PDB file of N, CA and C in Angstrom:
ATOM      1  N   MET A   1     174.271 100.873 149.611  1.00  0.00           N
ATOM      2  CA  MET A   1     172.822 101.159 149.352  1.00  0.00           C
ATOM      3  C   MET A   1     172.304 100.974 150.303  1.00  0.00           C
ATOM      4  N   SER A   2     171.565 102.352 151.038  1.00  0.00           N
ATOM      5  CA  SER A   2     170.519 102.450 151.896  1.00  0.00           C
ATOM      6  C   SER A   2     169.158 101.838 151.518  1.00  0.00           C
ATOM      7  N   ASP A   3     168.610 101.173 152.832  1.00  0.00           N
ATOM      8  CA  ASP A   3     167.057 100.560 152.703  1.00  0.00           C
ATOM      9  C   ASP A   3     166.037 101.664 153.245  1.00  0.00           C
ATOM     10  N   SER A   4     166.871 102.724 153.226  1.00  0.00           N
ATOM     11  CA  SER A   4     165.802 103.741 153.404  1.00  0.00           C
ATOM     12  C   SER A   4     165.161 104.574 152.166  1.00  0.00           C
ATOM     13  N   GLU A   5     166.031 103.883 150.964  1.00  0.00           N
ATOM     14  CA  GLU A   5     165.511 104.418 149.769  1.00  0.00           C
ATOM     15  C   GLU A   5     165.137 103.044 149.155  1.00  0.00           C
ATOM     16  N   PRO A   6     164.030 102.409 149.334  1.00  0.00           N
ATOM     17  CA  PRO A   6     163.806 101.116 148.584  1.00  0.00           C
ATOM     18  C   PRO A   6     163.773 101.159 147.168  1.00  0.00           C
ATOM     19  N   SER A   7     163.347 102.315 146.551  1.00  0.00           N
ATOM     20  CA  SER A   7     163.189 102.141 144.948  1.00  0.00           C
ATOM     21  C   SER A   7     164.620 102.034 144.441  1.00  0.00           C
ATOM     22  N   LYS A   8     165.396 102.165 145.503  1.00  0.00           N
ATOM     23  CA  LYS A   8     166.897 102.235 144.813  1.00  0.00           C
ATOM     24  C   LYS A   8     167.550 100.745 144.795  1.00  0.00           C
ATOM     25  N   LEU A   9     167.001 100.105 145.819  1.00  0.00           N
ATOM     26  CA  LEU A   9     167.326  98.879 145.981  1.00  0.00           C
ATOM     27  C   LEU A   9     167.208  97.754 144.668  1.00  0.00           C
ATOM     28  N   PRO A  10     168.138  97.118 144.264  1.00  0.00           N
ATOM     29  CA  PRO A  10     168.441  96.252 142.949  1.00  0.00           C
ATOM     30  C   PRO A  10     167.544  94.952 143.594  1.00  0.00           C
ATOM     31  N   THR A  11     167.257  93.968 142.514  1.00  0.00           N
ATOM     32  CA  THR A  11     166.652  92.898 142.739  1.00  0.00           C
ATOM     33  C   THR A  11     167.775  91.809 142.634  1.00  0.00           C
ATOM     34  N   PRO A  12     167.643  90.791 143.074  1.00  0.00           N
ATOM     35  CA  PRO A  12     168.653  89.737 143.177  1.00  0.00           C
ATOM     36  C   PRO A  12     169.148  89.507 141.593  1.00  0.00           C
ATOM     37  N   ALA A  13     170.363  89.115 141.573  1.00  0.00           N
ATOM     38  CA  ALA A  13     170.963  88.910 140.051  1.00  0.00           C
ATOM     39  C   ALA A  13     170.268  87.705 139.364  1.00  0.00           C
ATOM     40  N   ALA A  14     170.193  86.670 140.195  1.00  0.00           N
ATOM     41  CA  ALA A  14     169.330  85.250 139.739  1.00  0.00           C
ATOM     42  C   ALA A  14     168.359  84.953 140.703  1.00  0.00           C
ATOM     43  N   CYS A  15     167.520  84.014 140.299  1.00  0.00           N
ATOM     44  CA  CYS A  15     166.633  83.167 141.179  1.00  0.00           C
ATOM     45  C   CYS A  15     166.325  82.036 140.617  1.00  0.00           C
ATOM     46  N   THR A  16     165.512  81.345 141.637  1.00  0.00           N
ATOM     47  CA  THR A  16     164.503  80.252 141.083  1.00  0.00           C
ATOM     48  C   THR A  16     163.506  80.275 141.713  1.00  0.00           C
ATOM     49  N   ALA A  17     162.284  80.084 140.954  1.00  0.00           N
ATOM     50  CA  ALA A  17     161.106  80.373 141.393  1.00  0.00           C
ATOM     51  C   ALA A  17     160.055  78.962 140.900  1.00  0.00           C
ATOM     52  N   ASP A  18     159.352  78.549 142.004  1.00  0.00           N
ATOM     53  CA  ASP A  18     158.586  77.815 141.913  1.00  0.00           C
ATOM     54  C   ASP A  18     157.033  78.175 142.029  1.00  0.00           C
ATOM     55  N   PHE A  19     156.208  77.988 140.718  1.00  0.00           N
ATOM     56  CA  PHE A  19     154.985  78.821 140.755  1.00  0.00           C
ATOM     57  C   PHE A  19     153.863  77.791 140.270  1.00  0.00           C
ATOM     58  N   CYS A  20     153.002  78.048 140.731  1.00  0.00           N
ATOM     59  CA  CYS A  20     151.689  77.166 140.249  1.00  0.00           C
ATOM     60  C   CYS A  20     150.459  78.150 139.962  1.00  0.00           C
ATOM     61  N   LEU A  21     150.255  78.156 138.807  1.00  0.00           N
ATOM     62  CA  LEU A  21     148.851  79.204 138.405  1.00  0.00           C
ATOM     63  C   LEU A  21     147.186  78.292 138.611  1.00  0.00           C
ATOM     64  N   ILE A  22     146.734  78.943 139.052  1.00  0.00           N
ATOM     65  CA  ILE A  22     145.529  78.300 139.498  1.00  0.00           C
ATOM     66  C   ILE A  22     144.047  79.026 138.875  1.00  0.00           C
ATOM     67  N   PRO A  23     143.851  78.420 137.663  1.00  0.00           N
ATOM     68  CA  PRO A  23     142.716  79.370 137.232  1.00  0.00           C
ATOM     69  C   PRO A  23     141.341  79.049 137.801  1.00  0.00           C
ATOM     70  N   LEU A  24     140.743  79.961 137.789  1.00  0.00           N
ATOM     71  CA  LEU A  24     139.531  79.909 138.685  1.00  0.00           C
ATOM     72  C   LEU A  24     138.451  80.045 137.737  1.00  0.00           C
ATOM     73  N   GLY A  25     137.046  79.207 137.848  1.00  0.00           N
ATOM     74  CA  GLY A  25     136.106  79.443 137.116  1.00  0.00           C
ATOM     75  C   GLY A  25     136.162  78.877 135.707  1.00  0.00           C
ATOM     76  N   THR A  26     136.706  77.645 135.698  1.00  0.00           N
ATOM     77  CA  THR A  26     137.114  76.946 134.281  1.00  0.00           C
ATOM     78  C   THR A  26     135.813  75.896 134.427  1.00  0.00           C
ATOM     79  N   PRO A  27     135.513  75.926 133.304  1.00  0.00           N
ATOM     80  CA  PRO A  27     134.321  74.762 133.157  1.00  0.00           C
ATOM     81  C   PRO A  27     134.368  73.359 134.038  1.00  0.00           C
ATOM     82  N   THR A  28     135.475  72.938 134.091  1.00  0.00           N
ATOM     83  CA  THR A  28     135.811  71.571 134.614  1.00  0.00           C
ATOM     84  C   THR A  28     136.896  71.748 135.782  1.00  0.00           C
ATOM     85  N   ALA A  29     136.958  70.855 136.563  1.00  0.00           N
ATOM     86  CA  ALA A  29     137.835  70.824 137.667  1.00  0.00           C
ATOM     87  C   ALA A  29     139.143  70.705 137.214  1.00  0.00           C
ATOM     88  N   SER A  30     139.642  69.940 135.723  1.00  0.00           N
ATOM     89  CA  SER A  30     140.772  69.637 135.138  1.00  0.00           C
ATOM     90  C   SER A  30     141.324  71.026 134.983  1.00  0.00           C
ATOM     91  N   VAL A  31     142.634  70.912 134.826  1.00  0.00           N
ATOM     92  CA  VAL A  31     143.437  72.351 134.358  1.00  0.00           C
ATOM     93  C   VAL A  31     144.704  71.813 133.157  1.00  0.00           C
ATOM     94  N   SER A  32     144.491  70.678 133.176  1.00  0.00           N
ATOM     95  CA  SER A  32     145.539  70.035 132.008  1.00  0.00           C
ATOM     96  C   SER A  32     145.645  70.897 130.669  1.00  0.00           C
ATOM     97  N   GLN A  33     144.692  71.572 130.403  1.00  0.00           N
ATOM     98  CA  GLN A  33     144.760  72.154 129.092  1.00  0.00           C
ATOM     99  C   GLN A  33     145.713  73.462 129.436  1.00  0.00           C
ATOM    100  N   GLU A  34     145.224  74.015 130.504  1.00  0.00           N
ATOM    101  CA  GLU A  34     145.795  75.436 130.859  1.00  0.00           C
ATOM    102  C   GLU A  34     147.396  75.186 131.282  1.00  0.00           C
ATOM    103  N   VAL A  35     147.666  73.904 131.776  1.00  0.00           N
ATOM    104  CA  VAL A  35     149.155  73.769 132.262  1.00  0.00           C
ATOM    105  C   VAL A  35     149.704  73.370 130.958  1.00  0.00           C
ATOM    106  N   ALA A  36     149.046  72.596 129.991  1.00  0.00           N
ATOM    107  CA  ALA A  36     149.914  72.826 128.425  1.00  0.00           C
ATOM    108  C   ALA A  36     150.203  74.019 127.899  1.00  0.00           C
ATOM    109  N   GLU A  37     149.150  74.528 127.944  1.00  0.00           N
ATOM    110  CA  GLU A  37     149.539  76.234 126.996  1.00  0.00           C
ATOM    111  C   GLU A  37     150.661  76.944 127.916  1.00  0.00           C
ATOM    112  N   VAL A  38     150.651  76.864 129.302  1.00  0.00           N
ATOM    113  CA  VAL A  38     151.803  77.408 130.058  1.00  0.00           C
ATOM    114  C   VAL A  38     153.016  76.840 129.671  1.00  0.00           C
ATOM    115  N   GLN A  39     153.136  75.491 129.457  1.00  0.00           N
ATOM    116  CA  GLN A  39     154.308  74.642 129.095  1.00  0.00           C
ATOM    117  C   GLN A  39     154.897  75.134 127.716  1.00  0.00           C
ATOM    118  N   ARG A  40     153.847  75.356 126.877  1.00  0.00           N
ATOM    119  CA  ARG A  40     154.033  75.632 125.495  1.00  0.00           C
ATOM    120  C   ARG A  40     154.618  77.148 125.392  1.00  0.00           C
ATOM    121  N   LEU A  41     154.024  77.802 125.943  1.00  0.00           N
ATOM    122  CA  LEU A  41     154.486  79.325 126.282  1.00  0.00           C
ATOM    123  C   LEU A  41     155.961  79.258 126.805  1.00  0.00           C
ATOM    124  N   LEU A  42     156.361  78.636 127.963  1.00  0.00           N
ATOM    125  CA  LEU A  42     157.558  78.643 128.650  1.00  0.00           C
ATOM    126  C   LEU A  42     158.952  77.978 127.573  1.00  0.00           C
ATOM    127  N   LYS A  43     158.216  77.121 126.754  1.00  0.00           N
ATOM    128  CA  LYS A  43     159.426  76.506 125.781  1.00  0.00           C
ATOM    129  C   LYS A  43     159.752  77.632 124.642  1.00  0.00           C
ATOM    130  N   LYS A  44     158.820  78.485 124.406  1.00  0.00           N
ATOM    131  CA  LYS A  44     159.228  79.623 123.579  1.00  0.00           C
ATOM    132  C   LYS A  44     160.072  80.672 124.191  1.00  0.00           C
ATOM    133  N   THR A  45     159.772  80.926 125.353  1.00  0.00           N
ATOM    134  CA  THR A  45     160.801  82.127 126.090  1.00  0.00           C
ATOM    135  C   THR A  45     162.113  81.809 126.165  1.00  0.00           C
ATOM    136  N   GLY A  46     162.509  80.453 126.343  1.00  0.00           N
ATOM    137  CA  GLY A  46     164.056  80.317 126.417  1.00  0.00           C
ATOM    138  C   GLY A  46     164.271  80.250 127.816  1.00  0.00           C
ATOM    139  N   VAL A  47     163.553  80.554 128.731  1.00  0.00           N
ATOM    140  CA  VAL A  47     163.953  80.557 130.089  1.00  0.00           C
ATOM    141  C   VAL A  47     164.048  78.823 130.518  1.00  0.00           C
ATOM    142  N   LYS A  48     164.927  78.486 131.540  1.00  0.00           N
ATOM    143  CA  LYS A  48     165.160  77.405 131.717  1.00  0.00           C
ATOM    144  C   LYS A  48     164.060  76.975 133.096  1.00  0.00           C
ATOM    145  N   TYR A  49     163.364  75.909 132.578  1.00  0.00           N
ATOM    146  CA  TYR A  49     162.310  75.381 133.401  1.00  0.00           C
ATOM    147  C   TYR A  49     162.052  73.927 133.496  1.00  0.00           C
ATOM    148  N   SER A  50     161.376  73.692 134.473  1.00  0.00           N
ATOM    149  CA  SER A  50     161.201  71.969 134.814  1.00  0.00           C
ATOM    150  C   SER A  50     159.502  71.784 135.186  1.00  0.00           C
ATOM    151  N   MET A  51     158.677  71.416 134.701  1.00  0.00           N
ATOM    152  CA  MET A  51     157.727  70.984 135.062  1.00  0.00           C
ATOM    153  C   MET A  51     157.437  69.796 136.388  1.00  0.00           C
ATOM    154  N   HIS A  52     156.555  69.799 137.208  1.00  0.00           N
ATOM    155  CA  HIS A  52     156.509  68.832 138.116  1.00  0.00           C
ATOM    156  C   HIS A  52     155.031  68.546 138.523  1.00  0.00           C
ATOM    157  N   SER A  53     154.682  67.687 139.283  1.00  0.00           N
ATOM    158  CA  SER A  53     153.080  67.510 139.547  1.00  0.00           C
ATOM    159  C   SER A  53     152.240  68.526 140.022  1.00  0.00           C
ATOM    160  N   ALA A  54     153.294  69.442 140.759  1.00  0.00           N
ATOM    161  CA  ALA A  54     152.539  70.648 141.312  1.00  0.00           C
ATOM    162  C   ALA A  54     152.645  71.932 140.913  1.00  0.00           C
ATOM    163  N   GLY A  55     153.523  72.153 139.733  1.00  0.00           N
ATOM    164  CA  GLY A  55     153.837  73.383 139.091  1.00  0.00           C
ATOM    165  C   GLY A  55     154.854  73.257 138.123  1.00  0.00           C
ATOM    166  N   THR A  56     155.650  74.512 138.336  1.00  0.00           N
ATOM    167  CA  THR A  56     156.874  74.646 137.475  1.00  0.00           C
ATOM    168  C   THR A  56     157.969  75.259 138.056  1.00  0.00           C
ATOM    169  N   THR A  57     159.164  74.881 137.830  1.00  0.00           N
ATOM    170  CA  THR A  57     160.233  75.489 138.423  1.00  0.00           C
ATOM    171  C   THR A  57     160.907  76.488 137.215  1.00  0.00           C
ATOM    172  N   LEU A  58     161.289  77.906 137.448  1.00  0.00           N
ATOM    173  CA  LEU A  58     161.719  78.584 136.560  1.00  0.00           C
ATOM    174  C   LEU A  58     163.373  78.953 137.322  1.00  0.00           C
ATOM    175  N   GLU A  59     164.099  79.515 136.446  1.00  0.00           N
ATOM    176  CA  GLU A  59     165.583  79.718 136.652  1.00  0.00           C
ATOM    177  C   GLU A  59     165.905  80.660 135.760  1.00  0.00           C
ATOM    178  N   GLY A  60     166.651  81.915 136.432  1.00  0.00           N
ATOM    179  CA  GLY A  60     166.738  83.056 135.541  1.00  0.00           C
ATOM    180  C   GLY A  60     167.066  84.305 136.343  1.00  0.00           C
ATOM    181  N   SER A  61     167.198  85.153 135.557  1.00  0.00           N
ATOM    182  CA  SER A  61     167.493  86.773 136.493  1.00  0.00           C
ATOM    183  C   SER A  61     165.928  87.006 137.036  1.00  0.00           C
ATOM    184  N   TRP A  62     165.927  87.859 138.077  1.00  0.00           N
ATOM    185  CA  TRP A  62     164.576  87.985 138.928  1.00  0.00           C
ATOM    186  C   TRP A  62     163.507  88.511 137.612  1.00  0.00           C
ATOM    187  N   GLU A  63     164.277  89.447 136.935  1.00  0.00           N
ATOM    188  CA  GLU A  63     163.237  90.330 136.206  1.00  0.00           C
ATOM    189  C   GLU A  63     162.584  89.117 134.759  1.00  0.00           C
ATOM    190  N   GLU A  64     163.559  88.392 134.757  1.00  0.00           N
ATOM    191  CA  GLU A  64     162.892  87.553 133.508  1.00  0.00           C
ATOM    192  C   GLU A  64     161.994  86.374 134.019  1.00  0.00           C
ATOM    193  N   VAL A  65     162.035  86.170 135.320  1.00  0.00           N
ATOM    194  CA  VAL A  65     161.168  85.021 135.854  1.00  0.00           C
ATOM    195  C   VAL A  65     160.036  85.623 136.078  1.00  0.00           C
ATOM    196  N   MET A  66     159.946  86.989 136.879  1.00  0.00           N
ATOM    197  CA  MET A  66     158.820  87.415 136.917  1.00  0.00           C
ATOM    198  C   MET A  66     158.353  87.932 135.652  1.00  0.00           C
ATOM    199  N   ARG A  67     158.813  88.281 134.683  1.00  0.00           N
ATOM    200  CA  ARG A  67     158.167  88.611 133.263  1.00  0.00           C
ATOM    201  C   ARG A  67     157.357  87.390 132.849  1.00  0.00           C
ATOM    202  N   VAL A  68     158.070  86.211 132.953  1.00  0.00           N
ATOM    203  CA  VAL A  68     157.751  85.023 132.162  1.00  0.00           C
ATOM    204  C   VAL A  68     156.459  84.441 133.072  1.00  0.00           C
ATOM    205  N   ILE A  69     156.508  84.830 134.395  1.00  0.00           N
ATOM    206  CA  ILE A  69     155.269  84.228 134.846  1.00  0.00           C
ATOM    207  C   ILE A  69     154.169  84.912 134.889  1.00  0.00           C
ATOM    208  N   GLY A  70     154.347  86.588 134.790  1.00  0.00           N
ATOM    209  CA  GLY A  70     153.056  87.451 134.358  1.00  0.00           C
ATOM    210  C   GLY A  70     152.760  87.246 133.161  1.00  0.00           C
ATOM    211  N   GLN A  71     153.399  86.824 132.234  1.00  0.00           N
ATOM    212  CA  GLN A  71     153.145  86.523 130.735  1.00  0.00           C
ATOM    213  C   GLN A  71     152.114  85.226 130.576  1.00  0.00           C
ATOM    214  N   CYS A  72     152.403  84.256 131.441  1.00  0.00           N
ATOM    215  CA  CYS A  72     151.675  83.269 131.668  1.00  0.00           C
ATOM    216  C   CYS A  72     150.133  83.580 132.081  1.00  0.00           C
ATOM    217  N   HIS A  73     150.271  84.553 133.047  1.00  0.00           N
ATOM    218  CA  HIS A  73     148.937  85.047 133.520  1.00  0.00           C
ATOM    219  C   HIS A  73     148.234  85.626 132.425  1.00  0.00           C
ATOM    220  N   SER A  74     148.931  86.533 131.535  1.00  0.00           N
ATOM    221  CA  SER A  74     148.433  87.442 130.429  1.00  0.00           C
ATOM    222  C   SER A  74     147.706  86.240 129.247  1.00  0.00           C
ATOM    223  N   MET A  75     148.599  85.255 128.962  1.00  0.00           N
ATOM    224  CA  MET A  75     148.178  84.369 128.037  1.00  0.00           C
ATOM    225  C   MET A  75     146.845  83.691 128.394  1.00  0.00           C
ATOM    226  N   LEU A  76     146.924  83.305 129.571  1.00  0.00           N
ATOM    227  CA  LEU A  76     145.366  82.494 130.169  1.00  0.00           C
ATOM    228  C   LEU A  76     144.325  83.251 130.220  1.00  0.00           C
ATOM    229  N   HIS A  77     144.502  84.514 130.611  1.00  0.00           N
ATOM    230  CA  HIS A  77     143.380  85.475 130.404  1.00  0.00           C
ATOM    231  C   HIS A  77     143.382  85.973 129.006  1.00  0.00           C
ATOM    232  N   ALA A  78     143.933  86.036 128.019  1.00  0.00           N
ATOM    233  CA  ALA A  78     143.869  85.883 126.432  1.00  0.00           C
ATOM    234  C   ALA A  78     142.986  84.997 126.193  1.00  0.00           C
ATOM    235  N   ARG A  79     143.242  83.509 126.685  1.00  0.00           N
ATOM    236  CA  ARG A  79     142.322  82.472 126.309  1.00  0.00           C
ATOM    237  C   ARG A  79     141.125  82.458 126.928  1.00  0.00           C
ATOM    238  N   GLY A  80     140.605  83.224 127.705  1.00  0.00           N
ATOM    239  CA  GLY A  80     139.221  82.940 128.413  1.00  0.00           C
ATOM    240  C   GLY A  80     139.333  82.754 129.930  1.00  0.00           C
ATOM    241  N   VAL A  81     140.329  82.833 130.597  1.00  0.00           N
ATOM    242  CA  VAL A  81     140.584  82.617 131.864  1.00  0.00           C
ATOM    243  C   VAL A  81     140.486  83.897 132.684  1.00  0.00           C
ATOM    244  N   VAL A  82     139.231  84.063 133.457  1.00  0.00           N
ATOM    245  CA  VAL A  82     138.860  85.421 133.806  1.00  0.00           C
ATOM    246  C   VAL A  82     139.789  86.012 135.276  1.00  0.00           C
ATOM    247  N   ARG A  83     140.024  84.779 135.882  1.00  0.00           N
ATOM    248  CA  ARG A  83     140.700  84.784 137.100  1.00  0.00           C
ATOM    249  C   ARG A  83     141.697  83.798 137.196  1.00  0.00           C
ATOM    250  N   ILE A  84     142.945  84.095 137.754  1.00  0.00           N
ATOM    251  CA  ILE A  84     143.940  83.421 138.321  1.00  0.00           C
ATOM    252  C   ILE A  84     144.813  83.676 139.374  1.00  0.00           C
ATOM    253  N   GLN A  85     144.863  82.821 140.040  1.00  0.00           N
ATOM    254  CA  GLN A  85     145.518  82.878 141.505  1.00  0.00           C
ATOM    255  C   GLN A  85     146.926  82.104 141.322  1.00  0.00           C
ATOM    256  N   SER A  86     147.974  82.659 141.734  1.00  0.00           N
ATOM    257  CA  SER A  86     149.303  81.862 141.635  1.00  0.00           C
ATOM    258  C   SER A  86     149.978  81.850 143.068  1.00  0.00           C
ATOM    259  N   ASP A  87     150.509  80.625 143.291  1.00  0.00           N
ATOM    260  CA  ASP A  87     151.400  80.487 144.094  1.00  0.00           C
ATOM    261  C   ASP A  87     152.627  80.271 143.631  1.00  0.00           C
ATOM    262  N   ILE A  88     153.619  81.357 144.344  1.00  0.00           N
ATOM    263  CA  ILE A  88     154.908  81.499 144.159  1.00  0.00           C
ATOM    264  C   ILE A  88     156.093  81.460 145.159  1.00  0.00           C
ATOM    265  N   ARG A  89     157.010  80.766 144.875  1.00  0.00           N
ATOM    266  CA  ARG A  89     158.000  80.594 145.868  1.00  0.00           C
ATOM    267  C   ARG A  89     159.327  80.941 145.502  1.00  0.00           C
ATOM    268  N   VAL A  90     159.973  81.718 145.793  1.00  0.00           N
ATOM    269  CA  VAL A  90     161.369  82.686 145.170  1.00  0.00           C
ATOM    270  C   VAL A  90     162.376  82.310 146.042  1.00  0.00           C
ATOM    271  N   GLY A  91     163.473  81.626 145.598  1.00  0.00           N
ATOM    272  CA  GLY A  91     164.792  81.842 146.132  1.00  0.00           C
ATOM    273  C   GLY A  91     165.990  82.441 145.391  1.00  0.00           C
ATOM    274  N   SER A  92     166.892  83.359 146.205  1.00  0.00           N
ATOM    275  CA  SER A  92     167.920  83.451 145.728  1.00  0.00           C
ATOM    276  C   SER A  92     169.173  83.233 146.765  1.00  0.00           C
ATOM    277  N   ARG A  93     170.251  83.336 146.193  1.00  0.00           N
ATOM    278  CA  ARG A  93     171.482  83.296 147.169  1.00  0.00           C
ATOM    279  C   ARG A  93     172.553  84.213 146.302  1.00  0.00           C
ATOM    280  N   THR A  94     173.509  84.336 147.347  1.00  0.00           N
ATOM    281  CA  THR A  94     174.841  85.544 146.620  1.00  0.00           C
ATOM    282  C   THR A  94     176.144  84.543 146.648  1.00  0.00           C
ATOM    283  N   ASP A  95     175.826  83.545 147.621  1.00  0.00           N
ATOM    284  CA  ASP A  95     177.530  82.975 148.192  1.00  0.00           C
ATOM    285  C   ASP A  95     177.760  82.136 146.888  1.00  0.00           C
ATOM    286  N   LYS A  96     176.738  81.791 145.857  1.00  0.00           N
ATOM    287  CA  LYS A  96     177.180  80.543 144.977  1.00  0.00           C
ATOM    288  C   LYS A  96     176.175  80.447 143.961  1.00  0.00           C
ATOM    289  N   LYS A  97     176.605  80.205 142.667  1.00  0.00           N
ATOM    290  CA  LYS A  97     175.612  79.950 141.489  1.00  0.00           C
ATOM    291  C   LYS A  97     174.996  78.631 141.771  1.00  0.00           C
ATOM    292  N   GLN A  98     173.649  78.258 141.944  1.00  0.00           N
ATOM    293  CA  GLN A  98     173.522  77.038 142.080  1.00  0.00           C
ATOM    294  C   GLN A  98     171.708  77.066 141.547  1.00  0.00           C
ATOM    295  N   GLY A  99     171.537  76.212 140.573  1.00  0.00           N
ATOM    296  CA  GLY A  99     170.527  76.238 140.076  1.00  0.00           C
ATOM    297  C   GLY A  99     169.501  74.809 140.110  1.00  0.00           C
ATOM    298  N   PHE A 100     168.410  74.782 139.954  1.00  0.00           N
ATOM    299  CA  PHE A 100     167.366  73.954 140.303  1.00  0.00           C
ATOM    300  C   PHE A 100     167.816  72.682 140.216  1.00  0.00           C
ATOM    301  N   ALA A 101     168.652  72.198 139.150  1.00  0.00           N
ATOM    302  CA  ALA A 101     168.918  71.101 138.700  1.00  0.00           C
ATOM    303  C   ALA A 101     170.036  70.391 139.949  1.00  0.00           C
ATOM    304  N   ASP A 102     170.830  71.624 140.165  1.00  0.00           N
ATOM    305  CA  ASP A 102     172.308  71.243 141.004  1.00  0.00           C
ATOM    306  C   ASP A 102     171.525  70.798 142.362  1.00  0.00           C
ATOM    307  N   LYS A 103     170.617  71.580 142.881  1.00  0.00           N
ATOM    308  CA  LYS A 103     169.825  71.389 144.154  1.00  0.00           C
ATOM    309  C   LYS A 103     169.210  69.833 144.493  1.00  0.00           C
ATOM    310  N   VAL A 104     168.764  69.306 143.318  1.00  0.00           N
ATOM    311  CA  VAL A 104     168.192  68.210 143.015  1.00  0.00           C
ATOM    312  C   VAL A 104     169.387  67.281 143.219  1.00  0.00           C
ATOM    313  N   ALA A 105     170.385  67.346 142.453  1.00  0.00           N
ATOM    314  CA  ALA A 105     171.636  66.499 142.309  1.00  0.00           C
ATOM    315  C   ALA A 105     172.378  66.469 143.777  1.00  0.00           C
ATOM    316  N   ALA A 106     172.352  67.479 144.491  1.00  0.00           N
ATOM    317  CA  ALA A 106     173.040  67.698 145.919  1.00  0.00           C
ATOM    318  C   ALA A 106     172.236  66.608 146.869  1.00  0.00           C
ATOM    319  N   VAL A 107     170.716  66.375 146.917  1.00  0.00           N
ATOM    320  CA  VAL A 107     170.223  65.726 147.613  1.00  0.00           C
ATOM    321  C   VAL A 107     170.059  64.354 147.246  1.00  0.00           C
ATOM    322  N   GLU A 108     170.127  64.281 145.747  1.00  0.00           N
ATOM    323  CA  GLU A 108     170.276  62.508 145.143  1.00  0.00           C
ATOM    324  C   GLU A 108     171.552  61.986 145.644  1.00  0.00           C
ATOM    325  N   LYS A 109     172.801  62.853 145.542  1.00  0.00           N
ATOM    326  CA  LYS A 109     174.064  62.419 146.113  1.00  0.00           C
ATOM    327  C   LYS A 109     174.030  61.811 147.477  1.00  0.00           C
ATOM    328  N   LEU A 110     173.516  62.598 148.105  1.00  0.00           N
ATOM    329  CA  LEU A 110     173.013  62.397 149.980  1.00  0.00           C
ATOM    330  C   LEU A 110     172.320  60.927 149.839  1.00  0.00           C
ATOM    331  N   LEU A 111     171.369  60.808 149.189  1.00  0.00           N
ATOM    332  CA  LEU A 111     170.485  59.505 149.077  1.00  0.00           C
ATOM    333  C   LEU A 111     171.294  58.570 148.825  1.00  0.00           C
ATOM    334  N   LYS A 112     172.267  58.534 147.617  1.00  0.00           N
ATOM    335  CA  LYS A 112     173.291  57.540 147.052  1.00  0.00           C
ATOM    336  C   LYS A 112     173.918  57.229 148.089  1.00  0.00           C
ATOM    337  N   ASP A 113     174.660  57.985 148.804  1.00  0.00           N
ATOM    338  CA  ASP A 113     175.415  57.593 149.712  1.00  0.00           C
ATOM    339  C   ASP A 113     175.211  57.178 150.996  1.00  0.00           C
ATOM    340  N   ASP A 114     173.696  57.250 151.419  1.00  0.00           N
ATOM    341  CA  ASP A 114     173.123  56.242 152.316  1.00  0.00           C
ATOM    342  C   ASP A 114     172.788  55.256 151.946  1.00  0.00           C
ATOM    343  N   ASP A 115     172.627  54.762 150.869  1.00  0.00           N
ATOM    344  CA  ASP A 115     172.633  53.291 149.943  1.00  0.00           C
ATOM    345  C   ASP A 115     173.650  52.669 150.211  1.00  0.00           C
ATOM    346  N   LYS A 116     174.936  53.370 149.822  1.00  0.00           N
ATOM    347  CA  LYS A 116     176.442  53.077 149.937  1.00  0.00           C
ATOM    348  C   LYS A 116     176.549  52.430 151.424  1.00  0.00           C
ATOM    349  N   LYS A 117     176.043  53.180 152.213  1.00  0.00           N
ATOM    350  CA  LYS A 117     176.383  53.023 153.523  1.00  0.00           C
ATOM    351  C   LYS A 117     175.652  51.789 154.274  1.00  0.00           C
ATOM    352  N   THR A 118     174.378  51.623 153.744  1.00  0.00           N
ATOM    353  CA  THR A 118     173.270  50.481 154.258  1.00  0.00           C
ATOM    354  C   THR A 118     174.366  49.101 153.646  1.00  0.00           C
ATOM    355  N   GLU A 119     174.586  49.291 152.085  1.00  0.00           N
ATOM    356  CA  GLU A 119     175.303  47.981 151.842  1.00  0.00           C
ATOM    357  C   GLU A 119     176.578  47.642 152.294  1.00  0.00           C
ATOM    358  N   LEU A 120     177.369  48.761 152.839  1.00  0.00           N
ATOM    359  CA  LEU A 120     178.258  48.443 153.951  1.00  0.00           C
ATOM    360  C   LEU A 120     178.082  47.876 155.092  1.00  0.00           C
ATOM    361  N   ASN A 121     177.080  48.118 155.507  1.00  0.00           N
ATOM    362  CA  ASN A 121     176.539  47.266 156.916  1.00  0.00           C
ATOM    363  C   ASN A 121     175.758  46.037 156.635  1.00  0.00           C
ATOM    364  N   GLY A 122     175.776  45.667 155.420  1.00  0.00           N
ATOM    365  CA  GLY A 122     175.217  44.238 155.272  1.00  0.00           C
ATOM    366  C   GLY A 122     173.684  44.325 154.878  1.00  0.00           C
ATOM    367  N   GLU A 123     173.314  45.330 154.664  1.00  0.00           N
ATOM    368  CA  GLU A 123     171.762  45.220 154.025  1.00  0.00           C
ATOM    369  C   GLU A 123     171.736  45.443 152.586  1.00  0.00           C
ATOM    370  N   SER A 124     170.810  45.307 151.979  1.00  0.00           N
ATOM    371  CA  SER A 124     171.003  45.893 150.498  1.00  0.00           C
ATOM    372  C   SER A 124     169.585  47.031 150.903  1.00  0.00           C
ATOM    373  N   ALA A 125     169.526  48.067 149.902  1.00  0.00           N
ATOM    374  CA  ALA A 125     168.633  49.048 149.831  1.00  0.00           C
ATOM    375  C   ALA A 125     166.998  48.510 149.928  1.00  0.00           C
ATOM    376  N   GLU A 126     167.067  47.673 148.933  1.00  0.00           N
ATOM    377  CA  GLU A 126     165.644  46.995 148.740  1.00  0.00           C
ATOM    378  C   GLU A 126     165.233  46.560 150.209  1.00  0.00           C
ATOM    379  N   THR A 127     165.714  45.633 150.908  1.00  0.00           N
ATOM    380  CA  THR A 127     165.100  45.112 151.966  1.00  0.00           C
ATOM    381  C   THR A 127     165.005  46.380 153.294  1.00  0.00           C
ATOM    382  N   GLN A 128     165.400  47.362 153.398  1.00  0.00           N
ATOM    383  CA  GLN A 128     165.245  48.136 154.277  1.00  0.00           C
ATOM    384  C   GLN A 128     163.509  48.816 153.804  1.00  0.00           C
ATOM    385  N   THR A 129     162.852  48.721 155.170  1.00  0.00           N
ATOM    386  CA  THR A 129     161.320  49.338 154.883  1.00  0.00           C
ATOM    387  C   THR A 129     161.329  50.038 156.247  1.00  0.00           C
TER     388      THR A 129
END
C-alpha cells in the first residue's frame, strides 16, 4: 500500500492506549466524580481496561479504543462538562501480540530476577537502599 494515498492506509489491528481526560471548568479541583463516571462507562463497553492514578489504559482494536475514548468525552459533555482536554499515548506493534498486563509482567519478572541475584550475593532485598 502506498503512503501517497493516506486515505487507503489501514489503522493498526490492535493497540494499547493510555488516556487521561481532563475536565476543565468544573466547580471544584476534584475530578473523582468524573473519573468514576468514566470507569462506569468503560465497564459497560466490554473493552479491556485498567485504571491507574493518572489515567486509564485501554486495550483493543484501534477503532474500538478511539471510539471508547470519544464516548467518554461525549458522556462527560452530556453531564455538563463543557470542555475536556485529553492526553492520549497510543502504542501498537506488529511483531507479537502483547497486552498491557503482559508489559507489566515482563518488568516485574526482571525485578524479581534482580531480587534473586541480590539474595544469591548474600544480601536480602530489604537491606538494600
